[in-house]
Amino acid sequence: MDPVAFKNKLFRCADDATRDSWALELFHWQAEQVAPYAEYLKHLAVNHAQIKRTQDIPYLPVELFKAHEVKASGFPAIKTFSSSGTTGQ
């Protein structure tokens, strides 16, 4: 999956049903490819394959971004974002 192309596809979508379908596709991919997120789902006892609605997708707590590199394996970081809320400064 090309993340940039997928993001562009997702944000240019005209109707909610298609957008939700693509968001679920992205969620399932992230649940398999982003190790900290997969581990978080495991701790919640969430089987990502059973998630069928975008409203049921678990959010990753901000604290995990502080302690882990949250990105898909095999993808280099393109940009790094930090704020006073996440850096403690």
PDB file of N, CA and C in Angstrom:
ATOM      1  N   MET A   1       0.841  -1.174   0.000  1.00  0.00           N
ATOM      2  CA  MET A   1       0.000   0.000   0.000  1.00  0.00           C
ATOM      3  C   MET A   1       0.887   1.238   0.000  1.00  0.00           C
ATOM      4  N   ASP A   2       0.578   2.151  -0.883  1.00  0.00           N
ATOM      5  CA  ASP A   2       1.272   3.438  -0.915  1.00  0.00           C
ATOM      6  C   ASP A   2       0.491   4.390  -0.017  1.00  0.00           C
ATOM      7  N   PRO A   3       1.044   4.740   1.164  1.00  0.00           N
ATOM      8  CA  PRO A   3       0.284   5.559   2.110  1.00  0.00           C
ATOM      9  C   PRO A   3      -0.124   6.922   1.566  1.00  0.00           C
ATOM     10  N   VAL A   4       0.721   7.550   0.777  1.00  0.00           N
ATOM     11  CA  VAL A   4       0.399   8.876   0.251  1.00  0.00           C
ATOM     12  C   VAL A   4      -0.759   8.779  -0.737  1.00  0.00           C
ATOM     13  N   ALA A   5      -0.701   7.803  -1.622  1.00  0.00           N
ATOM     14  CA  ALA A   5      -1.787   7.624  -2.590  1.00  0.00           C
ATOM     15  C   ALA A   5      -3.091   7.288  -1.887  1.00  0.00           C
ATOM     16  N   PHE A   6      -3.009   6.437  -0.856  1.00  0.00           N
ATOM     17  CA  PHE A   6      -4.216   6.069  -0.128  1.00  0.00           C
ATOM     18  C   PHE A   6      -4.806   7.281   0.581  1.00  0.00           C
ATOM     19  N   LYS A   7      -3.957   8.100   1.216  1.00  0.00           N
ATOM     20  CA  LYS A   7      -4.429   9.309   1.895  1.00  0.00           C
ATOM     21  C   LYS A   7      -5.126  10.229   0.902  1.00  0.00           C
ATOM     22  N   ASN A   8      -4.536  10.416  -0.259  1.00  0.00           N
ATOM     23  CA  ASN A   8      -5.140  11.271  -1.272  1.00  0.00           C
ATOM     24  C   ASN A   8      -6.490  10.724  -1.722  1.00  0.00           C
ATOM     25  N   LYS A   9      -6.573   9.419  -1.885  1.00  0.00           N
ATOM     26  CA  LYS A   9      -7.826   8.776  -2.272  1.00  0.00           C
ATOM     27  C   LYS A   9      -8.876   8.977  -1.181  1.00  0.00           C
ATOM     28  N   LEU A  10      -8.486   8.779   0.053  1.00  0.00           N
ATOM     29  CA  LEU A  10      -9.412   8.877   1.179  1.00  0.00           C
ATOM     30  C   LEU A  10      -9.974  10.288   1.322  1.00  0.00           C
ATOM     31  N   PHE A  11      -9.129  11.308   1.233  1.00  0.00           N
ATOM     32  CA  PHE A  11      -9.583  12.671   1.464  1.00  0.00           C
ATOM     33  C   PHE A  11     -10.258  13.298   0.250  1.00  0.00           C
ATOM     34  N   ARG A  12     -10.185  12.661  -0.894  1.00  0.00           N
ATOM     35  CA  ARG A  12     -10.872  13.180  -2.077  1.00  0.00           C
ATOM     36  C   ARG A  12     -12.196  12.457  -2.326  1.00  0.00           C
ATOM     37  N   CYS A  13     -12.544  11.543  -1.471  1.00  0.00           N
ATOM     38  CA  CYS A  13     -13.757  10.758  -1.625  1.00  0.00           C
ATOM     39  C   CYS A  13     -14.986  11.642  -1.417  1.00  0.00           C
ATOM     40  N   ALA A  14     -15.972  11.477  -2.275  1.00  0.00           N
ATOM     41  CA  ALA A  14     -17.147  12.350  -2.231  1.00  0.00           C
ATOM     42  C   ALA A  14     -18.252  11.860  -1.304  1.00  0.00           C
ATOM     43  N   ASP A  15     -18.368  10.562  -1.090  1.00  0.00           N
ATOM     44  CA  ASP A  15     -19.504  10.104  -0.287  1.00  0.00           C
ATOM     45  C   ASP A  15     -19.044   9.371   0.973  1.00  0.00           C
ATOM     46  N   ASP A  16     -19.864   9.463   2.002  1.00  0.00           N
ATOM     47  CA  ASP A  16     -19.512   8.915   3.312  1.00  0.00           C
ATOM     48  C   ASP A  16     -19.335   7.406   3.307  1.00  0.00           C
ATOM     49  N   ALA A  17     -20.157   6.687   2.565  1.00  0.00           N
ATOM     50  CA  ALA A  17     -20.074   5.218   2.560  1.00  0.00           C
ATOM     51  C   ALA A  17     -18.735   4.756   2.008  1.00  0.00           C
ATOM     52  N   THR A  18     -18.295   5.363   0.930  1.00  0.00           N
ATOM     53  CA  THR A  18     -17.004   4.994   0.339  1.00  0.00           C
ATOM     54  C   THR A  18     -15.871   5.399   1.262  1.00  0.00           C
ATOM     55  N   ARG A  19     -15.971   6.585   1.840  1.00  0.00           N
ATOM     56  CA  ARG A  19     -14.936   7.060   2.767  1.00  0.00           C
ATOM     57  C   ARG A  19     -14.816   6.113   3.961  1.00  0.00           C
ATOM     58  N   ASP A  20     -15.943   5.684   4.505  1.00  0.00           N
ATOM     59  CA  ASP A  20     -15.917   4.738   5.626  1.00  0.00           C
ATOM     60  C   ASP A  20     -15.301   3.407   5.215  1.00  0.00           C
ATOM     61  N   SER A  21     -15.629   2.943   4.033  1.00  0.00           N
ATOM     62  CA  SER A  21     -15.069   1.686   3.539  1.00  0.00           C
ATOM     63  C   SER A  21     -13.550   1.777   3.415  1.00  0.00           C
ATOM     64  N   TRP A  22     -13.068   2.878   2.868  1.00  0.00           N
ATOM     65  CA  TRP A  22     -11.622   3.066   2.714  1.00  0.00           C
ATOM     66  C   TRP A  22     -10.946   3.265   4.069  1.00  0.00           C
ATOM     67  N   ALA A  23     -11.614   3.960   4.992  1.00  0.00           N
ATOM     68  CA  ALA A  23     -11.052   4.153   6.329  1.00  0.00           C
ATOM     69  C   ALA A  23     -10.919   2.804   7.042  1.00  0.00           C
ATOM     70  N   LEU A  24     -11.908   1.937   6.877  1.00  0.00           N
ATOM     71  CA  LEU A  24     -11.820   0.594   7.464  1.00  0.00           C
ATOM     72  C   LEU A  24     -10.689  -0.203   6.836  1.00  0.00           C
ATOM     73  N   GLU A  25     -10.520  -0.064   5.537  1.00  0.00           N
ATOM     74  CA  GLU A  25      -9.417  -0.749   4.847  1.00  0.00           C
ATOM     75  C   GLU A  25      -8.075  -0.289   5.423  1.00  0.00           C
ATOM     76  N   LEU A  26      -7.934   1.006   5.617  1.00  0.00           N
ATOM     77  CA  LEU A  26      -6.698   1.556   6.182  1.00  0.00           C
ATOM     78  C   LEU A  26      -6.501   1.072   7.617  1.00  0.00           C
ATOM     79  N   PHE A  27      -7.557   1.073   8.413  1.00  0.00           N
ATOM     80  CA  PHE A  27      -7.469   0.594   9.792  1.00  0.00           C
ATOM     81  C   PHE A  27      -6.972  -0.848   9.840  1.00  0.00           C
ATOM     82  N   HIS A  28      -7.553  -1.720   9.023  1.00  0.00           N
ATOM     83  CA  HIS A  28      -7.151  -3.132   9.038  1.00  0.00           C
ATOM     84  C   HIS A  28      -5.687  -3.285   8.620  1.00  0.00           C
ATOM     85  N   TRP A  29      -5.261  -2.500   7.649  1.00  0.00           N
ATOM     86  CA  TRP A  29      -3.859  -2.532   7.220  1.00  0.00           C
ATOM     87  C   TRP A  29      -2.958  -2.075   8.360  1.00  0.00           C
ATOM     88  N   GLN A  30      -3.328  -0.966   9.031  1.00  0.00           N
ATOM     89  CA  GLN A  30      -2.514  -0.457  10.136  1.00  0.00           C
ATOM     90  C   GLN A  30      -2.476  -1.453  11.293  1.00  0.00           C
ATOM     91  N   ALA A  31      -3.592  -2.129  11.546  1.00  0.00           N
ATOM     92  CA  ALA A  31      -3.645  -3.113  12.632  1.00  0.00           C
ATOM     93  C   ALA A  31      -2.675  -4.266  12.393  1.00  0.00           C
ATOM     94  N   GLU A  32      -2.343  -4.501  11.134  1.00  0.00           N
ATOM     95  CA  GLU A  32      -1.402  -5.574  10.793  1.00  0.00           C
ATOM     96  C   GLU A  32       0.028  -5.068  10.611  1.00  0.00           C
ATOM     97  N   GLN A  33       0.205  -3.825  10.201  1.00  0.00           N
ATOM     98  CA  GLN A  33       1.524  -3.325   9.810  1.00  0.00           C
ATOM     99  C   GLN A  33       2.198  -2.393  10.813  1.00  0.00           C
ATOM    100  N   VAL A  34       1.438  -1.828  11.740  1.00  0.00           N
ATOM    101  CA  VAL A  34       1.997  -0.877  12.705  1.00  0.00           C
ATOM    102  C   VAL A  34       2.094  -1.594  14.049  1.00  0.00           C
ATOM    103  N   ALA A  35       3.299  -2.035  14.380  1.00  0.00           N
ATOM    104  CA  ALA A  35       3.506  -2.901  15.548  1.00  0.00           C
ATOM    105  C   ALA A  35       2.960  -2.326  16.860  1.00  0.00           C
ATOM    106  N   PRO A  36       3.212  -1.054  17.196  1.00  0.00           N
ATOM    107  CA  PRO A  36       2.664  -0.549  18.460  1.00  0.00           C
ATOM    108  C   PRO A  36       1.129  -0.571  18.486  1.00  0.00           C
ATOM    109  N   TYR A  37       0.512  -0.309  17.328  1.00  0.00           N
ATOM    110  CA  TYR A  37      -0.953  -0.339  17.270  1.00  0.00           C
ATOM    111  C   TYR A  37      -1.462  -1.774  17.393  1.00  0.00           C
ATOM    112  N   ALA A  38      -0.809  -2.700  16.735  1.00  0.00           N
ATOM    113  CA  ALA A  38      -1.192  -4.114  16.841  1.00  0.00           C
ATOM    114  C   ALA A  38      -1.089  -4.594  18.284  1.00  0.00           C
ATOM    115  N   GLU A  39      -0.022  -4.198  18.962  1.00  0.00           N
ATOM    116  CA  GLU A  39       0.158  -4.584  20.370  1.00  0.00           C
ATOM    117  C   GLU A  39      -0.916  -3.955  21.250  1.00  0.00           C
ATOM    118  N   TYR A  40      -1.247  -2.698  20.981  1.00  0.00           N
ATOM    119  CA  TYR A  40      -2.298  -2.017  21.734  1.00  0.00           C
ATOM    120  C   TYR A  40      -3.640  -2.736  21.556  1.00  0.00           C
ATOM    121  N   LEU A  41      -3.962  -3.095  20.323  1.00  0.00           N
ATOM    122  CA  LEU A  41      -5.212  -3.819  20.061  1.00  0.00           C
ATOM    123  C   LEU A  41      -5.217  -5.163  20.788  1.00  0.00           C
ATOM    124  N   LYS A  42      -4.071  -5.810  20.821  1.00  0.00           N
ATOM    125  CA  LYS A  42      -3.954  -7.089  21.519  1.00  0.00           C
ATOM    126  C   LYS A  42      -4.250  -6.911  23.009  1.00  0.00           C
ATOM    127  N   HIS A  43      -3.712  -5.853  23.602  1.00  0.00           N
ATOM    128  CA  HIS A  43      -3.949  -5.586  25.030  1.00  0.00           C
ATOM    129  C   HIS A  43      -5.416  -5.253  25.306  1.00  0.00           C
ATOM    130  N   LEU A  44      -6.081  -4.676  24.318  1.00  0.00           N
ATOM    131  CA  LEU A  44      -7.510  -4.384  24.461  1.00  0.00           C
ATOM    132  C   LEU A  44      -8.370  -5.612  24.177  1.00  0.00           C
ATOM    133  N   ALA A  45      -7.739  -6.689  23.713  1.00  0.00           N
ATOM    134  CA  ALA A  45      -8.449  -7.906  23.290  1.00  0.00           C
ATOM    135  C   ALA A  45      -9.390  -7.598  22.126  1.00  0.00           C
ATOM    136  N   VAL A  46      -8.901  -6.765  21.197  1.00  0.00           N
ATOM    137  CA  VAL A  46      -9.670  -6.398  20.011  1.00  0.00           C
ATOM    138  C   VAL A  46      -9.126  -7.172  18.822  1.00  0.00           C
ATOM    139  N   ASN A  47      -9.995  -7.923  18.176  1.00  0.00           N
ATOM    140  CA  ASN A  47      -9.647  -8.600  16.932  1.00  0.00           C
ATOM    141  C   ASN A  47     -10.033  -7.646  15.804  1.00  0.00           C
ATOM    142  N   HIS A  48      -9.052  -7.075  15.142  1.00  0.00           N
ATOM    143  CA  HIS A  48      -9.345  -6.049  14.132  1.00  0.00           C
ATOM    144  C   HIS A  48     -10.247  -6.566  13.023  1.00  0.00           C
ATOM    145  N   ALA A  49     -10.211  -7.844  12.748  1.00  0.00           N
ATOM    146  CA  ALA A  49     -11.062  -8.408  11.685  1.00  0.00           C
ATOM    147  C   ALA A  49     -12.540  -8.300  12.029  1.00  0.00           C
ATOM    148  N   GLN A  50     -12.858  -8.145  13.294  1.00  0.00           N
ATOM    149  CA  GLN A  50     -14.258  -8.036  13.712  1.00  0.00           C
ATOM    150  C   GLN A  50     -14.781  -6.602  13.680  1.00  0.00           C
ATOM    151  N   ILE A  51     -13.907  -5.642  13.439  1.00  0.00           N
ATOM    152  CA  ILE A  51     -14.325  -4.240  13.364  1.00  0.00           C
ATOM    153  C   ILE A  51     -14.916  -3.998  11.980  1.00  0.00           C
ATOM    154  N   LYS A  52     -16.176  -3.607  11.952  1.00  0.00           N
ATOM    155  CA  LYS A  52     -16.893  -3.404  10.683  1.00  0.00           C
ATOM    156  C   LYS A  52     -17.404  -1.976  10.510  1.00  0.00           C
ATOM    157  N   ARG A  53     -17.279  -1.149  11.562  1.00  0.00           N
ATOM    158  CA  ARG A  53     -17.748   0.232  11.501  1.00  0.00           C
ATOM    159  C   ARG A  53     -16.635   1.160  11.960  1.00  0.00           C
ATOM    160  N   THR A  54     -16.505   2.296  11.302  1.00  0.00           N
ATOM    161  CA  THR A  54     -15.452   3.241  11.673  1.00  0.00           C
ATOM    162  C   THR A  54     -15.617   3.717  13.116  1.00  0.00           C
ATOM    163  N   GLN A  55     -16.848   3.781  13.608  1.00  0.00           N
ATOM    164  CA  GLN A  55     -17.091   4.225  14.977  1.00  0.00           C
ATOM    165  C   GLN A  55     -16.467   3.280  16.001  1.00  0.00           C
ATOM    166  N   ASP A  56     -16.173   2.052  15.605  1.00  0.00           N
ATOM    167  CA  ASP A  56     -15.642   1.054  16.530  1.00  0.00           C
ATOM    168  C   ASP A  56     -14.121   0.942  16.502  1.00  0.00           C
ATOM    169  N   ILE A  57     -13.468   1.746  15.683  1.00  0.00           N
ATOM    170  CA  ILE A  57     -12.009   1.700  15.598  1.00  0.00           C
ATOM    171  C   ILE A  57     -11.421   2.323  16.862  1.00  0.00           C
ATOM    172  N   PRO A  58     -10.591   1.576  17.594  1.00  0.00           N
ATOM    173  CA  PRO A  58      -9.974   2.138  18.807  1.00  0.00           C
ATOM    174  C   PRO A  58      -8.917   3.188  18.455  1.00  0.00           C
ATOM    175  N   TYR A  59      -8.986   4.293  19.172  1.00  0.00           N
ATOM    176  CA  TYR A  59      -7.979   5.339  19.003  1.00  0.00           C
ATOM    177  C   TYR A  59      -6.720   4.965  19.764  1.00  0.00           C
ATOM    178  N   LEU A  60      -5.594   5.298  19.191  1.00  0.00           N
ATOM    179  CA  LEU A  60      -4.314   5.068  19.844  1.00  0.00           C
ATOM    180  C   LEU A  60      -4.057   6.231  20.807  1.00  0.00           C
ATOM    181  N   PRO A  61      -3.837   5.948  22.095  1.00  0.00           N
ATOM    182  CA  PRO A  61      -3.605   7.035  23.049  1.00  0.00           C
ATOM    183  C   PRO A  61      -2.335   7.815  22.724  1.00  0.00           C
ATOM    184  N   VAL A  62      -2.374   9.101  22.980  1.00  0.00           N
ATOM    185  CA  VAL A  62      -1.236   9.982  22.717  1.00  0.00           C
ATOM    186  C   VAL A  62       0.019   9.485  23.426  1.00  0.00           C
ATOM    187  N   GLU A  63      -0.146   8.900  24.607  1.00  0.00           N
ATOM    188  CA  GLU A  63       1.003   8.428  25.374  1.00  0.00           C
ATOM    189  C   GLU A  63       1.847   7.421  24.593  1.00  0.00           C
ATOM    190  N   LEU A  64       1.202   6.637  23.737  1.00  0.00           N
ATOM    191  CA  LEU A  64       1.960   5.651  22.963  1.00  0.00           C
ATOM    192  C   LEU A  64       2.874   6.313  21.936  1.00  0.00           C
ATOM    193  N   PHE A  65       2.489   7.479  21.453  1.00  0.00           N
ATOM    194  CA  PHE A  65       3.344   8.197  20.515  1.00  0.00           C
ATOM    195  C   PHE A  65       4.605   8.709  21.211  1.00  0.00           C
ATOM    196  N   LYS A  66       4.498   8.950  22.510  1.00  0.00           N
ATOM    197  CA  LYS A  66       5.652   9.424  23.275  1.00  0.00           C
ATOM    198  C   LYS A  66       6.670   8.311  23.493  1.00  0.00           C
ATOM    199  N   ALA A  67       6.182   7.092  23.645  1.00  0.00           N
ATOM    200  CA  ALA A  67       7.049   5.976  24.034  1.00  0.00           C
ATOM    201  C   ALA A  67       7.452   5.067  22.879  1.00  0.00           C
ATOM    202  N   HIS A  68       6.762   5.169  21.738  1.00  0.00           N
ATOM    203  CA  HIS A  68       7.013   4.238  20.637  1.00  0.00           C
ATOM    204  C   HIS A  68       7.090   4.982  19.307  1.00  0.00           C
ATOM    205  N   GLU A  69       7.800   4.388  18.392  1.00  0.00           N
ATOM    206  CA  GLU A  69       7.803   4.899  17.028  1.00  0.00           C
ATOM    207  C   GLU A  69       6.593   4.286  16.336  1.00  0.00           C
ATOM    208  N   VAL A  70       5.586   5.096  16.099  1.00  0.00           N
ATOM    209  CA  VAL A  70       4.325   4.598  15.548  1.00  0.00           C
ATOM    210  C   VAL A  70       4.339   4.821  14.040  1.00  0.00           C
ATOM    211  N   LYS A  71       4.749   3.769  13.338  1.00  0.00           N
ATOM    212  CA  LYS A  71       4.772   3.801  11.874  1.00  0.00           C
ATOM    213  C   LYS A  71       4.806   2.374  11.370  1.00  0.00           C
ATOM    214  N   ALA A  72       4.405   2.211  10.128  1.00  0.00           N
ATOM    215  CA  ALA A  72       4.420   0.878   9.526  1.00  0.00           C
ATOM    216  C   ALA A  72       5.855   0.443   9.285  1.00  0.00           C
ATOM    217  N   SER A  73       6.106  -0.819   9.509  1.00  0.00           N
ATOM    218  CA  SER A  73       7.449  -1.333   9.265  1.00  0.00           C
ATOM    219  C   SER A  73       7.760  -1.233   7.776  1.00  0.00           C
ATOM    220  N   GLY A  74       8.990  -0.883   7.491  1.00  0.00           N
ATOM    221  CA  GLY A  74       9.423  -0.768   6.103  1.00  0.00           C
ATOM    222  C   GLY A  74       9.183   0.594   5.482  1.00  0.00           C
ATOM    223  N   PHE A  75       8.562   1.510   6.229  1.00  0.00           N
ATOM    224  CA  PHE A  75       8.312   2.849   5.712  1.00  0.00           C
ATOM    225  C   PHE A  75       9.154   3.846   6.502  1.00  0.00           C
ATOM    226  N   PRO A  76      10.010   4.607   5.840  1.00  0.00           N
ATOM    227  CA  PRO A  76      10.792   5.607   6.570  1.00  0.00           C
ATOM    228  C   PRO A  76       9.901   6.771   6.976  1.00  0.00           C
ATOM    229  N   ALA A  77      10.265   7.444   8.060  1.00  0.00           N
ATOM    230  CA  ALA A  77       9.534   8.638   8.473  1.00  0.00           C
ATOM    231  C   ALA A  77       9.771   9.737   7.446  1.00  0.00           C
ATOM    232  N   ILE A  78       8.712  10.355   6.991  1.00  0.00           N
ATOM    233  CA  ILE A  78       8.824  11.446   6.023  1.00  0.00           C
ATOM    234  C   ILE A  78       8.873  12.776   6.753  1.00  0.00           C
ATOM    235  N   LYS A  79       8.025  12.916   7.764  1.00  0.00           N
ATOM    236  CA  LYS A  79       7.997  14.120   8.585  1.00  0.00           C
ATOM    237  C   LYS A  79       7.808  13.697  10.031  1.00  0.00           C
ATOM    238  N   THR A  80       8.342  14.488  10.921  1.00  0.00           N
ATOM    239  CA  THR A  80       8.155  14.260  12.348  1.00  0.00           C
ATOM    240  C   THR A  80       7.476  15.478  12.929  1.00  0.00           C
ATOM    241  N   PHE A  81       6.401  15.254  13.659  1.00  0.00           N
ATOM    242  CA  PHE A  81       5.654  16.318  14.289  1.00  0.00           C
ATOM    243  C   PHE A  81       5.832  16.240  15.788  1.00  0.00           C
ATOM    244  N   SER A  82       6.071  17.370  16.393  1.00  0.00           N
ATOM    245  CA  SER A  82       6.090  17.430  17.856  1.00  0.00           C
ATOM    246  C   SER A  82       5.424  18.718  18.286  1.00  0.00           C
ATOM    247  N   SER A  83       4.834  18.660  19.471  1.00  0.00           N
ATOM    248  CA  SER A  83       4.181  19.849  20.019  1.00  0.00           C
ATOM    249  C   SER A  83       4.494  19.909  21.499  1.00  0.00           C
ATOM    250  N   SER A  84       4.163  21.024  22.108  1.00  0.00           N
ATOM    251  CA  SER A  84       4.411  21.141  23.537  1.00  0.00           C
ATOM    252  C   SER A  84       3.635  20.091  24.312  1.00  0.00           C
ATOM    253  N   GLY A  85       2.495  19.652  23.783  1.00  0.00           N
ATOM    254  CA  GLY A  85       1.694  18.642  24.451  1.00  0.00           C
ATOM    255  C   GLY A  85       2.308  17.254  24.417  1.00  0.00           C
ATOM    256  N   THR A  86       3.140  16.979  23.431  1.00  0.00           N
ATOM    257  CA  THR A  86       3.746  15.653  23.338  1.00  0.00           C
ATOM    258  C   THR A  86       5.210  15.636  23.738  1.00  0.00           C
ATOM    259  N   THR A  87       5.861  16.782  23.724  1.00  0.00           N
ATOM    260  CA  THR A  87       7.287  16.809  24.079  1.00  0.00           C
ATOM    261  C   THR A  87       7.517  17.211  25.522  1.00  0.00           C
ATOM    262  N   GLY A  88       6.503  17.769  26.155  1.00  0.00           N
ATOM    263  CA  GLY A  88       6.646  18.182  27.547  1.00  0.00           C
ATOM    264  C   GLY A  88       7.330  19.530  27.719  1.00  0.00           C
ATOM    265  N   GLN A  89       7.580  20.242  26.641  1.00  0.00           N
ATOM    266  CA  GLN A  89       8.241  21.550  26.724  1.00  0.00           C
ATOM    267  C   GLN A  89       7.250  22.673  26.607  1.00  0.00           C
TER     268      GLN A  89
END
